[in-house]
Amino acid sequence: MTRKRSAQSPEYAVSDEAAAYIADALRELTLQFEATHFAQIRRHYQSITPTRDDDPWQLDMFGKHPPF
């Protein structure tokens, strides 16, 4: 059952069942979007990621960690 709120409140009260349904629908929509647009998203991130400079004099501080 939904709770009533004042007319001034912009929030809407929904039941737990309705909230779960909405969350599942949004999750499914997100998975479908990712499946259809994943290659485009990956290309975009690769285009904005700076390329690594292979300067032999530059120290690689974060690439390889020594074994402990």
PDB file of N, CA and C in Angstrom:
ATOM      1  N   MET A   1       0.843  -1.172   0.000  1.00  0.00           N
ATOM      2  CA  MET A   1       0.000   0.000   0.000  1.00  0.00           C
ATOM      3  C   MET A   1       0.890   1.237   0.000  1.00  0.00           C
ATOM      4  N   THR A   2       0.514   2.229  -0.747  1.00  0.00           N
ATOM      5  CA  THR A   2       1.323   3.443  -0.822  1.00  0.00           C
ATOM      6  C   THR A   2       0.952   4.389   0.308  1.00  0.00           C
ATOM      7  N   ARG A   3       1.958   5.103   0.768  1.00  0.00           N
ATOM      8  CA  ARG A   3       1.714   6.116   1.795  1.00  0.00           C
ATOM      9  C   ARG A   3       1.392   7.427   1.112  1.00  0.00           C
ATOM     10  N   LYS A   4       0.579   8.225   1.759  1.00  0.00           N
ATOM     11  CA  LYS A   4       0.237   9.519   1.195  1.00  0.00           C
ATOM     12  C   LYS A   4       1.236  10.559   1.688  1.00  0.00           C
ATOM     13  N   ARG A   5       1.601  11.456   0.802  1.00  0.00           N
ATOM     14  CA  ARG A   5       2.501  12.546   1.135  1.00  0.00           C
ATOM     15  C   ARG A   5       1.807  13.852   0.818  1.00  0.00           C
ATOM     16  N   SER A   6       2.358  14.903   1.329  1.00  0.00           N
ATOM     17  CA  SER A   6       1.749  16.207   1.065  1.00  0.00           C
ATOM     18  C   SER A   6       1.903  16.553  -0.412  1.00  0.00           C
ATOM     19  N   ALA A   7       1.082  17.430  -0.896  1.00  0.00           N
ATOM     20  CA  ALA A   7       1.113  17.823  -2.299  1.00  0.00           C
ATOM     21  C   ALA A   7       2.384  18.590  -2.629  1.00  0.00           C
ATOM     22  N   GLN A   8       3.056  19.152  -1.648  1.00  0.00           N
ATOM     23  CA  GLN A   8       4.265  19.924  -1.889  1.00  0.00           C
ATOM     24  C   GLN A   8       5.490  19.038  -2.098  1.00  0.00           C
ATOM     25  N   SER A   9       5.446  17.817  -1.644  1.00  0.00           N
ATOM     26  CA  SER A   9       6.586  16.911  -1.744  1.00  0.00           C
ATOM     27  C   SER A   9       6.724  16.376  -3.165  1.00  0.00           C
ATOM     28  N   PRO A  10       7.927  16.496  -3.777  1.00  0.00           N
ATOM     29  CA  PRO A  10       8.108  15.986  -5.141  1.00  0.00           C
ATOM     30  C   PRO A  10       8.343  14.478  -5.181  1.00  0.00           C
ATOM     31  N   GLU A  11       8.543  13.834  -4.041  1.00  0.00           N
ATOM     32  CA  GLU A  11       8.802  12.402  -4.002  1.00  0.00           C
ATOM     33  C   GLU A  11       7.493  11.628  -4.019  1.00  0.00           C
ATOM     34  N   TYR A  12       7.551  10.430  -4.586  1.00  0.00           N
ATOM     35  CA  TYR A  12       6.386   9.576  -4.625  1.00  0.00           C
ATOM     36  C   TYR A  12       6.676   8.338  -3.793  1.00  0.00           C
ATOM     37  N   ALA A  13       5.708   7.902  -3.052  1.00  0.00           N
ATOM     38  CA  ALA A  13       5.854   6.694  -2.259  1.00  0.00           C
ATOM     39  C   ALA A  13       5.379   5.507  -3.102  1.00  0.00           C
ATOM     40  N   VAL A  14       6.192   4.455  -3.148  1.00  0.00           N
ATOM     41  CA  VAL A  14       5.798   3.244  -3.862  1.00  0.00           C
ATOM     42  C   VAL A  14       6.008   2.055  -2.937  1.00  0.00           C
ATOM     43  N   SER A  15       5.330   0.995  -3.222  1.00  0.00           N
ATOM     44  CA  SER A  15       5.473  -0.208  -2.405  1.00  0.00           C
ATOM     45  C   SER A  15       6.817  -0.867  -2.689  1.00  0.00           C
ATOM     46  N   ASP A  16       7.209  -1.752  -1.800  1.00  0.00           N
ATOM     47  CA  ASP A  16       8.458  -2.488  -1.999  1.00  0.00           C
ATOM     48  C   ASP A  16       8.394  -3.334  -3.259  1.00  0.00           C
ATOM     49  N   GLU A  17       7.245  -3.913  -3.530  1.00  0.00           N
ATOM     50  CA  GLU A  17       7.078  -4.735  -4.730  1.00  0.00           C
ATOM     51  C   GLU A  17       7.243  -3.886  -5.993  1.00  0.00           C
ATOM     52  N   ALA A  18       6.644  -2.701  -6.004  1.00  0.00           N
ATOM     53  CA  ALA A  18       6.769  -1.817  -7.156  1.00  0.00           C
ATOM     54  C   ALA A  18       8.204  -1.337  -7.323  1.00  0.00           C
ATOM     55  N   ALA A  19       8.872  -1.021  -6.218  1.00  0.00           N
ATOM     56  CA  ALA A  19      10.268  -0.582  -6.284  1.00  0.00           C
ATOM     57  C   ALA A  19      11.158  -1.694  -6.827  1.00  0.00           C
ATOM     58  N   ALA A  20      10.895  -2.927  -6.406  1.00  0.00           N
ATOM     59  CA  ALA A  20      11.678  -4.053  -6.908  1.00  0.00           C
ATOM     60  C   ALA A  20      11.434  -4.258  -8.398  1.00  0.00           C
ATOM     61  N   TYR A  21      10.200  -4.108  -8.836  1.00  0.00           N
ATOM     62  CA  TYR A  21       9.870  -4.246 -10.255  1.00  0.00           C
ATOM     63  C   TYR A  21      10.573  -3.167 -11.073  1.00  0.00           C
ATOM     64  N   ILE A  22      10.551  -1.938 -10.579  1.00  0.00           N
ATOM     65  CA  ILE A  22      11.211  -0.838 -11.283  1.00  0.00           C
ATOM     66  C   ILE A  22      12.719  -1.081 -11.350  1.00  0.00           C
ATOM     67  N   ALA A  23      13.311  -1.525 -10.244  1.00  0.00           N
ATOM     68  CA  ALA A  23      14.751  -1.802 -10.224  1.00  0.00           C
ATOM     69  C   ALA A  23      15.109  -2.906 -11.211  1.00  0.00           C
ATOM     70  N   ASP A  24      14.302  -3.973 -11.265  1.00  0.00           N
ATOM     71  CA  ASP A  24      14.561  -5.055 -12.220  1.00  0.00           C
ATOM     72  C   ASP A  24      14.436  -4.567 -13.657  1.00  0.00           C
ATOM     73  N   ALA A  25      13.441  -3.735 -13.928  1.00  0.00           N
ATOM     74  CA  ALA A  25      13.258  -3.212 -15.286  1.00  0.00           C
ATOM     75  C   ALA A  25      14.440  -2.324 -15.681  1.00  0.00           C
ATOM     76  N   LEU A  26      14.899  -1.483 -14.755  1.00  0.00           N
ATOM     77  CA  LEU A  26      16.048  -0.623 -15.058  1.00  0.00           C
ATOM     78  C   LEU A  26      17.321  -1.439 -15.250  1.00  0.00           C
ATOM     79  N   ARG A  27      17.483  -2.479 -14.458  1.00  0.00           N
ATOM     80  CA  ARG A  27      18.657  -3.348 -14.605  1.00  0.00           C
ATOM     81  C   ARG A  27      18.641  -4.035 -15.962  1.00  0.00           C
ATOM     82  N   GLU A  28      17.481  -4.526 -16.382  1.00  0.00           N
ATOM     83  CA  GLU A  28      17.356  -5.183 -17.685  1.00  0.00           C
ATOM     84  C   GLU A  28      17.619  -4.198 -18.817  1.00  0.00           C
ATOM     85  N   LEU A  29      17.105  -2.989 -18.685  1.00  0.00           N
ATOM     86  CA  LEU A  29      17.338  -1.957 -19.679  1.00  0.00           C
ATOM     87  C   LEU A  29      18.821  -1.613 -19.779  1.00  0.00           C
ATOM     88  N   THR A  30      19.486  -1.544 -18.639  1.00  0.00           N
ATOM     89  CA  THR A  30      20.925  -1.270 -18.615  1.00  0.00           C
ATOM     90  C   THR A  30      21.704  -2.379 -19.311  1.00  0.00           C
ATOM     91  N   LEU A  31      21.356  -3.620 -19.055  1.00  0.00           N
ATOM     92  CA  LEU A  31      22.048  -4.746 -19.694  1.00  0.00           C
ATOM     93  C   LEU A  31      21.826  -4.750 -21.207  1.00  0.00           C
ATOM     94  N   GLN A  32      20.628  -4.441 -21.640  1.00  0.00           N
ATOM     95  CA  GLN A  32      20.356  -4.382 -23.078  1.00  0.00           C
ATOM     96  C   GLN A  32      21.133  -3.241 -23.732  1.00  0.00           C
ATOM     97  N   PHE A  33      21.173  -2.089 -23.074  1.00  0.00           N
ATOM     98  CA  PHE A  33      21.910  -0.946 -23.608  1.00  0.00           C
ATOM     99  C   PHE A  33      23.395  -1.272 -23.713  1.00  0.00           C
ATOM    100  N   GLU A  34      23.943  -1.886 -22.658  1.00  0.00           N
ATOM    101  CA  GLU A  34      25.362  -2.238 -22.669  1.00  0.00           C
ATOM    102  C   GLU A  34      25.667  -3.249 -23.768  1.00  0.00           C
ATOM    103  N   ALA A  35      24.788  -4.210 -23.962  1.00  0.00           N
ATOM    104  CA  ALA A  35      25.015  -5.234 -24.980  1.00  0.00           C
ATOM    105  C   ALA A  35      25.024  -4.634 -26.387  1.00  0.00           C
ATOM    106  N   THR A  36      24.180  -3.651 -26.623  1.00  0.00           N
ATOM    107  CA  THR A  36      24.107  -3.091 -27.966  1.00  0.00           C
ATOM    108  C   THR A  36      25.136  -1.991 -28.208  1.00  0.00           C
ATOM    109  N   HIS A  37      25.581  -1.335 -27.160  1.00  0.00           N
ATOM    110  CA  HIS A  37      26.474  -0.195 -27.337  1.00  0.00           C
ATOM    111  C   HIS A  37      27.861  -0.384 -26.717  1.00  0.00           C
ATOM    112  N   PHE A  38      28.190  -1.597 -26.280  1.00  0.00           N
ATOM    113  CA  PHE A  38      29.453  -1.819 -25.589  1.00  0.00           C
ATOM    114  C   PHE A  38      30.659  -1.487 -26.462  1.00  0.00           C
ATOM    115  N   ALA A  39      30.642  -1.879 -27.718  1.00  0.00           N
ATOM    116  CA  ALA A  39      31.776  -1.605 -28.608  1.00  0.00           C
ATOM    117  C   ALA A  39      31.972  -0.106 -28.783  1.00  0.00           C
ATOM    118  N   GLN A  40      30.886   0.625 -28.912  1.00  0.00           N
ATOM    119  CA  GLN A  40      30.982   2.078 -29.059  1.00  0.00           C
ATOM    120  C   GLN A  40      31.527   2.719 -27.778  1.00  0.00           C
ATOM    121  N   ILE A  41      31.069   2.247 -26.631  1.00  0.00           N
ATOM    122  CA  ILE A  41      31.564   2.774 -25.359  1.00  0.00           C
ATOM    123  C   ILE A  41      33.052   2.486 -25.218  1.00  0.00           C
ATOM    124  N   ARG A  42      33.479   1.262 -25.570  1.00  0.00           N
ATOM    125  CA  ARG A  42      34.891   0.894 -25.464  1.00  0.00           C
ATOM    126  C   ARG A  42      35.752   1.761 -26.388  1.00  0.00           C
ATOM    127  N   ARG A  43      35.291   1.975 -27.622  1.00  0.00           N
ATOM    128  CA  ARG A  43      36.046   2.843 -28.540  1.00  0.00           C
ATOM    129  C   ARG A  43      36.151   4.262 -28.006  1.00  0.00           C
ATOM    130  N   HIS A  44      35.088   4.745 -27.403  1.00  0.00           N
ATOM    131  CA  HIS A  44      35.114   6.092 -26.847  1.00  0.00           C
ATOM    132  C   HIS A  44      36.145   6.191 -25.723  1.00  0.00           C
ATOM    133  N   TYR A  45      36.147   5.242 -24.804  1.00  0.00           N
ATOM    134  CA  TYR A  45      37.104   5.275 -23.709  1.00  0.00           C
ATOM    135  C   TYR A  45      38.536   5.129 -24.210  1.00  0.00           C
ATOM    136  N   GLN A  46      38.737   4.307 -25.232  1.00  0.00           N
ATOM    137  CA  GLN A  46      40.083   4.172 -25.789  1.00  0.00           C
ATOM    138  C   GLN A  46      40.536   5.454 -26.458  1.00  0.00           C
ATOM    139  N   SER A  47      39.599   6.186 -27.062  1.00  0.00           N
ATOM    140  CA  SER A  47      39.983   7.423 -27.745  1.00  0.00           C
ATOM    141  C   SER A  47      40.330   8.529 -26.757  1.00  0.00           C
ATOM    142  N   ILE A  48      39.744   8.531 -25.564  1.00  0.00           N
ATOM    143  CA  ILE A  48      40.042   9.591 -24.605  1.00  0.00           C
ATOM    144  C   ILE A  48      41.150   9.208 -23.634  1.00  0.00           C
ATOM    145  N   THR A  49      41.566   7.942 -23.642  1.00  0.00           N
ATOM    146  CA  THR A  49      42.650   7.501 -22.764  1.00  0.00           C
ATOM    147  C   THR A  49      43.979   7.830 -23.420  1.00  0.00           C
ATOM    148  N   PRO A  50      44.846   8.539 -22.714  1.00  0.00           N
ATOM    149  CA  PRO A  50      46.136   8.863 -23.335  1.00  0.00           C
ATOM    150  C   PRO A  50      46.961   7.602 -23.568  1.00  0.00           C
ATOM    151  N   THR A  51      47.698   7.604 -24.658  1.00  0.00           N
ATOM    152  CA  THR A  51      48.539   6.455 -24.945  1.00  0.00           C
ATOM    153  C   THR A  51      49.764   6.479 -24.042  1.00  0.00           C
ATOM    154  N   ARG A  52      50.266   5.316 -23.756  1.00  0.00           N
ATOM    155  CA  ARG A  52      51.409   5.199 -22.865  1.00  0.00           C
ATOM    156  C   ARG A  52      52.688   5.488 -23.645  1.00  0.00           C
ATOM    157  N   ASP A  53      53.526   6.312 -23.089  1.00  0.00           N
ATOM    158  CA  ASP A  53      54.793   6.669 -23.696  1.00  0.00           C
ATOM    159  C   ASP A  53      55.822   5.605 -23.332  1.00  0.00           C
ATOM    160  N   ASP A  54      56.465   5.017 -24.332  1.00  0.00           N
ATOM    161  CA  ASP A  54      57.438   3.957 -24.081  1.00  0.00           C
ATOM    162  C   ASP A  54      58.848   4.525 -24.018  1.00  0.00           C
ATOM    163  N   ASP A  55      59.049   5.502 -23.189  1.00  0.00           N
ATOM    164  CA  ASP A  55      60.359   6.107 -22.995  1.00  0.00           C
ATOM    165  C   ASP A  55      61.170   5.204 -22.058  1.00  0.00           C
ATOM    166  N   PRO A  56      62.326   4.676 -22.505  1.00  0.00           N
ATOM    167  CA  PRO A  56      63.096   3.763 -21.653  1.00  0.00           C
ATOM    168  C   PRO A  56      63.648   4.451 -20.411  1.00  0.00           C
ATOM    169  N   TRP A  57      63.751   5.761 -20.408  1.00  0.00           N
ATOM    170  CA  TRP A  57      64.279   6.470 -19.247  1.00  0.00           C
ATOM    171  C   TRP A  57      63.200   6.796 -18.222  1.00  0.00           C
ATOM    172  N   GLN A  58      61.947   6.589 -18.586  1.00  0.00           N
ATOM    173  CA  GLN A  58      60.847   6.877 -17.671  1.00  0.00           C
ATOM    174  C   GLN A  58      60.639   5.695 -16.735  1.00  0.00           C
ATOM    175  N   LEU A  59      60.576   5.961 -15.451  1.00  0.00           N
ATOM    176  CA  LEU A  59      60.350   4.897 -14.479  1.00  0.00           C
ATOM    177  C   LEU A  59      58.887   4.465 -14.510  1.00  0.00           C
ATOM    178  N   ASP A  60      58.661   3.155 -14.456  1.00  0.00           N
ATOM    179  CA  ASP A  60      57.323   2.601 -14.420  1.00  0.00           C
ATOM    180  C   ASP A  60      56.977   2.317 -12.950  1.00  0.00           C
ATOM    181  N   MET A  61      56.285   3.261 -12.338  1.00  0.00           N
ATOM    182  CA  MET A  61      56.014   3.144 -10.902  1.00  0.00           C
ATOM    183  C   MET A  61      54.820   2.272 -10.592  1.00  0.00           C
ATOM    184  N   PHE A  62      53.886   2.092 -11.515  1.00  0.00           N
ATOM    185  CA  PHE A  62      52.656   1.386 -11.198  1.00  0.00           C
ATOM    186  C   PHE A  62      52.398   0.177 -12.086  1.00  0.00           C
ATOM    187  N   GLY A  63      53.289  -0.118 -13.018  1.00  0.00           N
ATOM    188  CA  GLY A  63      53.039  -1.207 -13.955  1.00  0.00           C
ATOM    189  C   GLY A  63      53.250  -2.588 -13.370  1.00  0.00           C
ATOM    190  N   LYS A  64      54.385  -2.804 -12.747  1.00  0.00           N
ATOM    191  CA  LYS A  64      54.704  -4.130 -12.218  1.00  0.00           C
ATOM    192  C   LYS A  64      55.017  -3.999 -10.729  1.00  0.00           C
ATOM    193  N   HIS A  65      54.364  -4.851  -9.969  1.00  0.00           N
ATOM    194  CA  HIS A  65      54.590  -4.834  -8.525  1.00  0.00           C
ATOM    195  C   HIS A  65      55.540  -5.956  -8.156  1.00  0.00           C
ATOM    196  N   PRO A  66      56.472  -5.713  -7.260  1.00  0.00           N
ATOM    197  CA  PRO A  66      57.376  -6.785  -6.846  1.00  0.00           C
ATOM    198  C   PRO A  66      56.611  -7.839  -6.044  1.00  0.00           C
ATOM    199  N   PRO A  67      56.988  -9.099  -6.169  1.00  0.00           N
ATOM    200  CA  PRO A  67      56.306 -10.155  -5.395  1.00  0.00           C
ATOM    201  C   PRO A  67      56.620 -10.016  -3.911  1.00  0.00           C
ATOM    202  N   PHE A  68      55.645 -10.267  -3.084  1.00  0.00           N
ATOM    203  CA  PHE A  68      55.830 -10.181  -1.627  1.00  0.00           C
ATOM    204  C   PHE A  68      55.820 -11.545  -1.015  1.00  0.00           C
TER     205      PHE A  68
END
